[in-house]
Amino acid sequence: TRDFSERVDAALGTDGHFSRLVGLVLRSVLPTWF
């Protein structure tokens, strides 16, 4: 989730890396036709 990603970024000091990635991940979850 986005919340998980933001917490991981804070824990690992990854400067928003996972918060940026999660948008692509969640979009890929949508039905292929959508």
ModelCIF file with pLDDT and N, C-alpha, C, O atoms, coordinates in Angstrom:
data_MODEL
#
_entry.id   MODEL 
#
_entity.id                         1 
_entity.type                       polymer 
_entity.pdbx_number_of_molecules   1 
#
_entity_poly.entity_id                      1 
_entity_poly.type                           'polypeptide(L)' 
_entity_poly.nstd_linkage                   no 
_entity_poly.nstd_monomer                   no 
_entity_poly.pdbx_seq_one_letter_code       TRDFSERVDAALGTDGHFSRLVGLVLRSVLPTWF 
_entity_poly.pdbx_seq_one_letter_code_can   TRDFSERVDAALGTDGHFSRLVGLVLRSVLPTWF 
_entity_poly.pdbx_strand_id                 A 
#
loop_
_entity_poly_seq.entity_id 
_entity_poly_seq.num 
_entity_poly_seq.mon_id 
_entity_poly_seq.hetero 
1 1  THR n 
1 2  ARG n 
1 3  ASP n 
1 4  PHE n 
1 5  SER n 
1 6  GLU n 
1 7  ARG n 
1 8  VAL n 
1 9  ASP n 
1 10 ALA n 
1 11 ALA n 
1 12 LEU n 
1 13 GLY n 
1 14 THR n 
1 15 ASP n 
1 16 GLY n 
1 17 HIS n 
1 18 PHE n 
1 19 SER n 
1 20 ARG n 
1 21 LEU n 
1 22 VAL n 
1 23 GLY n 
1 24 LEU n 
1 25 VAL n 
1 26 LEU n 
1 27 ARG n 
1 28 SER n 
1 29 VAL n 
1 30 LEU n 
1 31 PRO n 
1 32 THR n 
1 33 TRP n 
1 34 PHE n 
#
_struct_asym.id          A 
_struct_asym.entity_id   1 
#
loop_
_ma_qa_metric.id 
_ma_qa_metric.mode 
_ma_qa_metric.name 
_ma_qa_metric.software_group_id 
_ma_qa_metric.type 
1 global pLDDT . pLDDT 
2 local  pLDDT . pLDDT 
#
_ma_qa_metric_global.metric_id      1 
_ma_qa_metric_global.metric_value   92.24 
_ma_qa_metric_global.model_id       1 
_ma_qa_metric_global.ordinal_id     1 
#
loop_
_ma_qa_metric_local.label_asym_id 
_ma_qa_metric_local.label_comp_id 
_ma_qa_metric_local.label_seq_id 
_ma_qa_metric_local.metric_id 
_ma_qa_metric_local.metric_value 
_ma_qa_metric_local.model_id 
_ma_qa_metric_local.ordinal_id 
A THR 1  2 90.00 1 1  
A ARG 2  2 91.00 1 2  
A ASP 3  2 92.00 1 3  
A PHE 4  2 94.00 1 4  
A SER 5  2 95.00 1 5  
A GLU 6  2 94.00 1 6  
A ARG 7  2 94.00 1 7  
A VAL 8  2 96.00 1 8  
A ASP 9  2 96.00 1 9  
A ALA 10 2 96.00 1 10 
A ALA 11 2 95.00 1 11 
A LEU 12 2 96.00 1 12 
A GLY 13 2 95.00 1 13 
A THR 14 2 95.00 1 14 
A ASP 15 2 95.00 1 15 
A GLY 16 2 94.00 1 16 
A HIS 17 2 95.00 1 17 
A PHE 18 2 95.00 1 18 
A SER 19 2 94.00 1 19 
A ARG 20 2 93.00 1 20 
A LEU 21 2 94.00 1 21 
A VAL 22 2 93.00 1 22 
A GLY 23 2 89.00 1 23 
A LEU 24 2 91.00 1 24 
A VAL 25 2 92.00 1 25 
A LEU 26 2 91.00 1 26 
A ARG 27 2 88.00 1 27 
A SER 28 2 89.00 1 28 
A VAL 29 2 87.00 1 29 
A LEU 30 2 88.00 1 30 
A PRO 31 2 86.00 1 31 
A THR 32 2 87.00 1 32 
A TRP 33 2 87.00 1 33 
A PHE 34 2 89.00 1 34 
#
loop_
_atom_site.group_PDB 
_atom_site.id 
_atom_site.type_symbol 
_atom_site.label_atom_id 
_atom_site.label_alt_id 
_atom_site.label_comp_id 
_atom_site.label_asym_id 
_atom_site.label_entity_id 
_atom_site.label_seq_id 
_atom_site.pdbx_PDB_ins_code 
_atom_site.Cartn_x 
_atom_site.Cartn_y 
_atom_site.Cartn_z 
_atom_site.occupancy 
_atom_site.B_iso_or_equiv 
_atom_site.pdbx_formal_charge 
_atom_site.auth_seq_id 
_atom_site.auth_comp_id 
_atom_site.auth_asym_id 
_atom_site.auth_atom_id 
_atom_site.pdbx_PDB_model_num 
ATOM 1   N N  . THR A 1 1  ? 0.846  -1.190 0.000   1.00 90.00 ? 1  THR A N  1 
ATOM 2   C CA . THR A 1 1  ? 0.000  0.000  0.000   1.00 90.00 ? 1  THR A CA 1 
ATOM 3   C C  . THR A 1 1  ? 0.883  1.242  0.000   1.00 90.00 ? 1  THR A C  1 
ATOM 4   O O  . THR A 1 1  ? 2.094  1.148  0.199   1.00 90.00 ? 1  THR A O  1 
ATOM 5   N N  . ARG A 1 2  ? 0.279  2.395  -0.222  1.00 91.00 ? 2  ARG A N  1 
ATOM 6   C CA . ARG A 1 2  ? 1.049  3.642  -0.156  1.00 91.00 ? 2  ARG A CA 1 
ATOM 7   C C  . ARG A 1 2  ? 1.533  3.901  1.269   1.00 91.00 ? 2  ARG A C  1 
ATOM 8   O O  . ARG A 1 2  ? 2.663  4.346  1.471   1.00 91.00 ? 2  ARG A O  1 
ATOM 9   N N  . ASP A 1 3  ? 0.683  3.624  2.253   1.00 92.00 ? 3  ASP A N  1 
ATOM 10  C CA . ASP A 1 3  ? 1.084  3.833  3.637   1.00 92.00 ? 3  ASP A CA 1 
ATOM 11  C C  . ASP A 1 3  ? 2.307  2.975  3.988   1.00 92.00 ? 3  ASP A C  1 
ATOM 12  O O  . ASP A 1 3  ? 3.253  3.455  4.612   1.00 92.00 ? 3  ASP A O  1 
ATOM 13  N N  . PHE A 1 4  ? 2.275  1.708  3.581   1.00 94.00 ? 4  PHE A N  1 
ATOM 14  C CA . PHE A 1 4  ? 3.398  0.809  3.808   1.00 94.00 ? 4  PHE A CA 1 
ATOM 15  C C  . PHE A 1 4  ? 4.661  1.373  3.156   1.00 94.00 ? 4  PHE A C  1 
ATOM 16  O O  . PHE A 1 4  ? 5.729  1.384  3.768   1.00 94.00 ? 4  PHE A O  1 
ATOM 17  N N  . SER A 1 5  ? 4.534  1.835  1.926   1.00 95.00 ? 5  SER A N  1 
ATOM 18  C CA . SER A 1 5  ? 5.681  2.345  1.173   1.00 95.00 ? 5  SER A CA 1 
ATOM 19  C C  . SER A 1 5  ? 6.282  3.570  1.843   1.00 95.00 ? 5  SER A C  1 
ATOM 20  O O  . SER A 1 5  ? 7.503  3.710  1.901   1.00 95.00 ? 5  SER A O  1 
ATOM 21  N N  . GLU A 1 6  ? 5.440  4.449  2.344   1.00 94.00 ? 6  GLU A N  1 
ATOM 22  C CA . GLU A 1 6  ? 5.942  5.650  3.013   1.00 94.00 ? 6  GLU A CA 1 
ATOM 23  C C  . GLU A 1 6  ? 6.671  5.290  4.303   1.00 94.00 ? 6  GLU A C  1 
ATOM 24  O O  . GLU A 1 6  ? 7.680  5.907  4.645   1.00 94.00 ? 6  GLU A O  1 
ATOM 25  N N  . ARG A 1 7  ? 6.155  4.290  5.017   1.00 94.00 ? 7  ARG A N  1 
ATOM 26  C CA . ARG A 1 7  ? 6.812  3.871  6.250   1.00 94.00 ? 7  ARG A CA 1 
ATOM 27  C C  . ARG A 1 7  ? 8.151  3.186  5.956   1.00 94.00 ? 7  ARG A C  1 
ATOM 28  O O  . ARG A 1 7  ? 9.117  3.370  6.697   1.00 94.00 ? 7  ARG A O  1 
ATOM 29  N N  . VAL A 1 8  ? 8.208  2.399  4.878   1.00 96.00 ? 8  VAL A N  1 
ATOM 30  C CA . VAL A 1 8  ? 9.467  1.765  4.495   1.00 96.00 ? 8  VAL A CA 1 
ATOM 31  C C  . VAL A 1 8  ? 10.493 2.816  4.084   1.00 96.00 ? 8  VAL A C  1 
ATOM 32  O O  . VAL A 1 8  ? 11.666 2.709  4.443   1.00 96.00 ? 8  VAL A O  1 
ATOM 33  N N  . ASP A 1 9  ? 10.063 3.826  3.337   1.00 96.00 ? 9  ASP A N  1 
ATOM 34  C CA . ASP A 1 9  ? 10.983 4.903  2.957   1.00 96.00 ? 9  ASP A CA 1 
ATOM 35  C C  . ASP A 1 9  ? 11.569 5.577  4.193   1.00 96.00 ? 9  ASP A C  1 
ATOM 36  O O  . ASP A 1 9  ? 12.763 5.874  4.247   1.00 96.00 ? 9  ASP A O  1 
ATOM 37  N N  . ALA A 1 10 ? 10.712 5.813  5.182   1.00 96.00 ? 10 ALA A N  1 
ATOM 38  C CA . ALA A 1 10 ? 11.182 6.455  6.412   1.00 96.00 ? 10 ALA A CA 1 
ATOM 39  C C  . ALA A 1 10 ? 12.149 5.543  7.161   1.00 96.00 ? 10 ALA A C  1 
ATOM 40  O O  . ALA A 1 10 ? 13.157 6.005  7.696   1.00 96.00 ? 10 ALA A O  1 
ATOM 41  N N  . ALA A 1 11 ? 11.840 4.245  7.200   1.00 95.00 ? 11 ALA A N  1 
ATOM 42  C CA . ALA A 1 11 ? 12.674 3.293  7.945   1.00 95.00 ? 11 ALA A CA 1 
ATOM 43  C C  . ALA A 1 11 ? 14.032 3.082  7.291   1.00 95.00 ? 11 ALA A C  1 
ATOM 44  O O  . ALA A 1 11 ? 15.046 2.974  7.979   1.00 95.00 ? 11 ALA A O  1 
ATOM 45  N N  . LEU A 1 12 ? 14.052 3.022  5.956   1.00 96.00 ? 12 LEU A N  1 
ATOM 46  C CA . LEU A 1 12 ? 15.293 2.721  5.237   1.00 96.00 ? 12 LEU A CA 1 
ATOM 47  C C  . LEU A 1 12 ? 16.013 3.971  4.737   1.00 96.00 ? 12 LEU A C  1 
ATOM 48  O O  . LEU A 1 12 ? 17.122 3.887  4.209   1.00 96.00 ? 12 LEU A O  1 
ATOM 49  N N  . GLY A 1 13 ? 15.371 5.137  4.909   1.00 95.00 ? 13 GLY A N  1 
ATOM 50  C CA . GLY A 1 13 ? 15.990 6.371  4.435   1.00 95.00 ? 13 GLY A CA 1 
ATOM 51  C C  . GLY A 1 13 ? 16.177 6.390  2.938   1.00 95.00 ? 13 GLY A C  1 
ATOM 52  O O  . GLY A 1 13 ? 17.223 6.806  2.438   1.00 95.00 ? 13 GLY A O  1 
ATOM 53  N N  . THR A 1 14 ? 15.153 5.935  2.215   1.00 95.00 ? 14 THR A N  1 
ATOM 54  C CA . THR A 1 14 ? 15.285 5.773  0.762   1.00 95.00 ? 14 THR A CA 1 
ATOM 55  C C  . THR A 1 14 ? 14.708 6.947  -0.042  1.00 95.00 ? 14 THR A C  1 
ATOM 56  O O  . THR A 1 14 ? 14.489 6.835  -1.248  1.00 95.00 ? 14 THR A O  1 
ATOM 57  N N  . ASP A 1 15 ? 14.470 8.064  0.637   1.00 95.00 ? 15 ASP A N  1 
ATOM 58  C CA . ASP A 1 15 ? 14.154 9.319  -0.062  1.00 95.00 ? 15 ASP A CA 1 
ATOM 59  C C  . ASP A 1 15 ? 12.982 9.190  -1.036  1.00 95.00 ? 15 ASP A C  1 
ATOM 60  O O  . ASP A 1 15 ? 13.054 9.675  -2.165  1.00 95.00 ? 15 ASP A O  1 
ATOM 61  N N  . GLY A 1 16 ? 11.905 8.537  -0.595  1.00 94.00 ? 16 GLY A N  1 
ATOM 62  C CA . GLY A 1 16 ? 10.707 8.441  -1.420  1.00 94.00 ? 16 GLY A CA 1 
ATOM 63  C C  . GLY A 1 16 ? 10.744 7.401  -2.519  1.00 94.00 ? 16 GLY A C  1 
ATOM 64  O O  . GLY A 1 16 ? 9.847  7.361  -3.360  1.00 94.00 ? 16 GLY A O  1 
ATOM 65  N N  . HIS A 1 17 ? 11.762 6.563  -2.528  1.00 95.00 ? 17 HIS A N  1 
ATOM 66  C CA . HIS A 1 17 ? 11.915 5.562  -3.597  1.00 95.00 ? 17 HIS A CA 1 
ATOM 67  C C  . HIS A 1 17 ? 10.686 4.658  -3.701  1.00 95.00 ? 17 HIS A C  1 
ATOM 68  O O  . HIS A 1 17 ? 10.137 4.474  -4.788  1.00 95.00 ? 17 HIS A O  1 
ATOM 69  N N  . PHE A 1 18 ? 10.260 4.101  -2.585  1.00 95.00 ? 18 PHE A N  1 
ATOM 70  C CA . PHE A 1 18 ? 9.130  3.173  -2.615  1.00 95.00 ? 18 PHE A CA 1 
ATOM 71  C C  . PHE A 1 18 ? 7.795  3.912  -2.768  1.00 95.00 ? 18 PHE A C  1 
ATOM 72  O O  . PHE A 1 18 ? 6.843  3.368  -3.328  1.00 95.00 ? 18 PHE A O  1 
ATOM 73  N N  . SER A 1 19 ? 7.728  5.128  -2.280  1.00 94.00 ? 19 SER A N  1 
ATOM 74  C CA . SER A 1 19 ? 6.512  5.924  -2.462  1.00 94.00 ? 19 SER A CA 1 
ATOM 75  C C  . SER A 1 19 ? 6.282  6.251  -3.928  1.00 94.00 ? 19 SER A C  1 
ATOM 76  O O  . SER A 1 19 ? 5.142  6.375  -4.376  1.00 94.00 ? 19 SER A O  1 
ATOM 77  N N  . ARG A 1 20 ? 7.386  6.390  -4.680  1.00 93.00 ? 20 ARG A N  1 
ATOM 78  C CA . ARG A 1 20 ? 7.253  6.615  -6.116  1.00 93.00 ? 20 ARG A CA 1 
ATOM 79  C C  . ARG A 1 20 ? 6.926  5.317  -6.844  1.00 93.00 ? 20 ARG A C  1 
ATOM 80  O O  . ARG A 1 20 ? 6.111  5.310  -7.767  1.00 93.00 ? 20 ARG A O  1 
ATOM 81  N N  . LEU A 1 21 ? 7.546  4.240  -6.442  1.00 94.00 ? 21 LEU A N  1 
ATOM 82  C CA . LEU A 1 21 ? 7.300  2.959  -7.094  1.00 94.00 ? 21 LEU A CA 1 
ATOM 83  C C  . LEU A 1 21 ? 5.877  2.455  -6.910  1.00 94.00 ? 21 LEU A C  1 
ATOM 84  O O  . LEU A 1 21 ? 5.310  1.837  -7.810  1.00 94.00 ? 21 LEU A O  1 
ATOM 85  N N  . VAL A 1 22 ? 5.300  2.721  -5.737  1.00 93.00 ? 22 VAL A N  1 
ATOM 86  C CA . VAL A 1 22 ? 4.012  2.104  -5.421  1.00 93.00 ? 22 VAL A CA 1 
ATOM 87  C C  . VAL A 1 22 ? 2.911  2.569  -6.380  1.00 93.00 ? 22 VAL A C  1 
ATOM 88  O O  . VAL A 1 22 ? 1.948  1.837  -6.610  1.00 93.00 ? 22 VAL A O  1 
ATOM 89  N N  . GLY A 1 23 ? 3.038  3.767  -6.936  1.00 89.00 ? 23 GLY A N  1 
ATOM 90  C CA . GLY A 1 23 ? 2.041  4.218  -7.910  1.00 89.00 ? 23 GLY A CA 1 
ATOM 91  C C  . GLY A 1 23 ? 2.001  3.311  -9.123  1.00 89.00 ? 23 GLY A C  1 
ATOM 92  O O  . GLY A 1 23 ? 0.924  2.969  -9.612  1.00 89.00 ? 23 GLY A O  1 
ATOM 93  N N  . LEU A 1 24 ? 3.179  2.915  -9.617  1.00 91.00 ? 24 LEU A N  1 
ATOM 94  C CA . LEU A 1 24 ? 3.248  1.994  -10.751 1.00 91.00 ? 24 LEU A CA 1 
ATOM 95  C C  . LEU A 1 24 ? 2.706  0.625  -10.378 1.00 91.00 ? 24 LEU A C  1 
ATOM 96  O O  . LEU A 1 24 ? 2.007  -0.016 -11.163 1.00 91.00 ? 24 LEU A O  1 
ATOM 97  N N  . VAL A 1 25 ? 3.037  0.183  -9.169  1.00 92.00 ? 25 VAL A N  1 
ATOM 98  C CA . VAL A 1 25 ? 2.571  -1.125 -8.715  1.00 92.00 ? 25 VAL A CA 1 
ATOM 99  C C  . VAL A 1 25 ? 1.051  -1.156 -8.647  1.00 92.00 ? 25 VAL A C  1 
ATOM 100 O O  . VAL A 1 25 ? 0.423  -2.084 -9.157  1.00 92.00 ? 25 VAL A O  1 
ATOM 101 N N  . LEU A 1 26 ? 0.462  -0.153 -8.022  1.00 91.00 ? 26 LEU A N  1 
ATOM 102 C CA . LEU A 1 26 ? -0.991 -0.146 -7.856  1.00 91.00 ? 26 LEU A CA 1 
ATOM 103 C C  . LEU A 1 26 ? -1.714 0.018  -9.191  1.00 91.00 ? 26 LEU A C  1 
ATOM 104 O O  . LEU A 1 26 ? -2.794 -0.540 -9.383  1.00 91.00 ? 26 LEU A O  1 
ATOM 105 N N  . ARG A 1 27 ? -1.134 0.768  -10.100 1.00 88.00 ? 27 ARG A N  1 
ATOM 106 C CA . ARG A 1 27 ? -1.764 0.894  -11.413 1.00 88.00 ? 27 ARG A CA 1 
ATOM 107 C C  . ARG A 1 27 ? -1.760 -0.437 -12.152 1.00 88.00 ? 27 ARG A C  1 
ATOM 108 O O  . ARG A 1 27 ? -2.685 -0.742 -12.905 1.00 88.00 ? 27 ARG A O  1 
ATOM 109 N N  . SER A 1 28 ? -0.703 -1.234 -11.932 1.00 89.00 ? 28 SER A N  1 
ATOM 110 C CA . SER A 1 28 ? -0.621 -2.536 -12.596 1.00 89.00 ? 28 SER A CA 1 
ATOM 111 C C  . SER A 1 28 ? -1.655 -3.517 -12.058 1.00 89.00 ? 28 SER A C  1 
ATOM 112 O O  . SER A 1 28 ? -1.949 -4.525 -12.701 1.00 89.00 ? 28 SER A O  1 
ATOM 113 N N  . VAL A 1 29 ? -2.210 -3.227 -10.881 1.00 87.00 ? 29 VAL A N  1 
ATOM 114 C CA . VAL A 1 29 ? -3.234 -4.082 -10.278 1.00 87.00 ? 29 VAL A CA 1 
ATOM 115 C C  . VAL A 1 29 ? -4.580 -3.908 -10.975 1.00 87.00 ? 29 VAL A C  1 
ATOM 116 O O  . VAL A 1 29 ? -5.416 -4.811 -10.962 1.00 87.00 ? 29 VAL A O  1 
ATOM 117 N N  . LEU A 1 30 ? -4.779 -2.752 -11.576 1.00 88.00 ? 30 LEU A N  1 
ATOM 118 C CA . LEU A 1 30 ? -6.044 -2.493 -12.262 1.00 88.00 ? 30 LEU A CA 1 
ATOM 119 C C  . LEU A 1 30 ? -6.250 -3.494 -13.393 1.00 88.00 ? 30 LEU A C  1 
ATOM 120 O O  . LEU A 1 30 ? -5.275 -4.010 -13.942 1.00 88.00 ? 30 LEU A O  1 
ATOM 121 N N  . PRO A 1 31 ? -7.513 -3.780 -13.754 1.00 86.00 ? 31 PRO A N  1 
ATOM 122 C CA . PRO A 1 31 ? -7.750 -4.686 -14.886 1.00 86.00 ? 31 PRO A CA 1 
ATOM 123 C C  . PRO A 1 31 ? -7.001 -4.215 -16.125 1.00 86.00 ? 31 PRO A C  1 
ATOM 124 O O  . PRO A 1 31 ? -6.921 -3.017 -16.395 1.00 86.00 ? 31 PRO A O  1 
ATOM 125 N N  . THR A 1 32 ? -6.459 -5.157 -16.869 1.00 87.00 ? 32 THR A N  1 
ATOM 126 C CA . THR A 1 32 ? -5.643 -4.822 -18.041 1.00 87.00 ? 32 THR A CA 1 
ATOM 127 C C  . THR A 1 32 ? -6.394 -3.913 -18.998 1.00 87.00 ? 32 THR A C  1 
ATOM 128 O O  . THR A 1 32 ? -5.813 -2.982 -19.556 1.00 87.00 ? 32 THR A O  1 
ATOM 129 N N  . TRP A 1 33 ? -7.684 -4.175 -19.193 1.00 87.00 ? 33 TRP A N  1 
ATOM 130 C CA . TRP A 1 33 ? -8.449 -3.379 -20.148 1.00 87.00 ? 33 TRP A CA 1 
ATOM 131 C C  . TRP A 1 33 ? -8.712 -1.963 -19.628 1.00 87.00 ? 33 TRP A C  1 
ATOM 132 O O  . TRP A 1 33 ? -9.029 -1.067 -20.411 1.00 87.00 ? 33 TRP A O  1 
ATOM 133 N N  . PHE A 1 34 ? -8.582 -1.754 -18.306 1.00 89.00 ? 34 PHE A N  1 
ATOM 134 C CA . PHE A 1 34 ? -8.854 -0.442 -17.727 1.00 89.00 ? 34 PHE A CA 1 
ATOM 135 C C  . PHE A 1 34 ? -7.591 0.412  -17.615 1.00 89.00 ? 34 PHE A C  1 
ATOM 136 O O  . PHE A 1 34 ? -7.654 1.548  -17.145 1.00 89.00 ? 34 PHE A O  1 
#
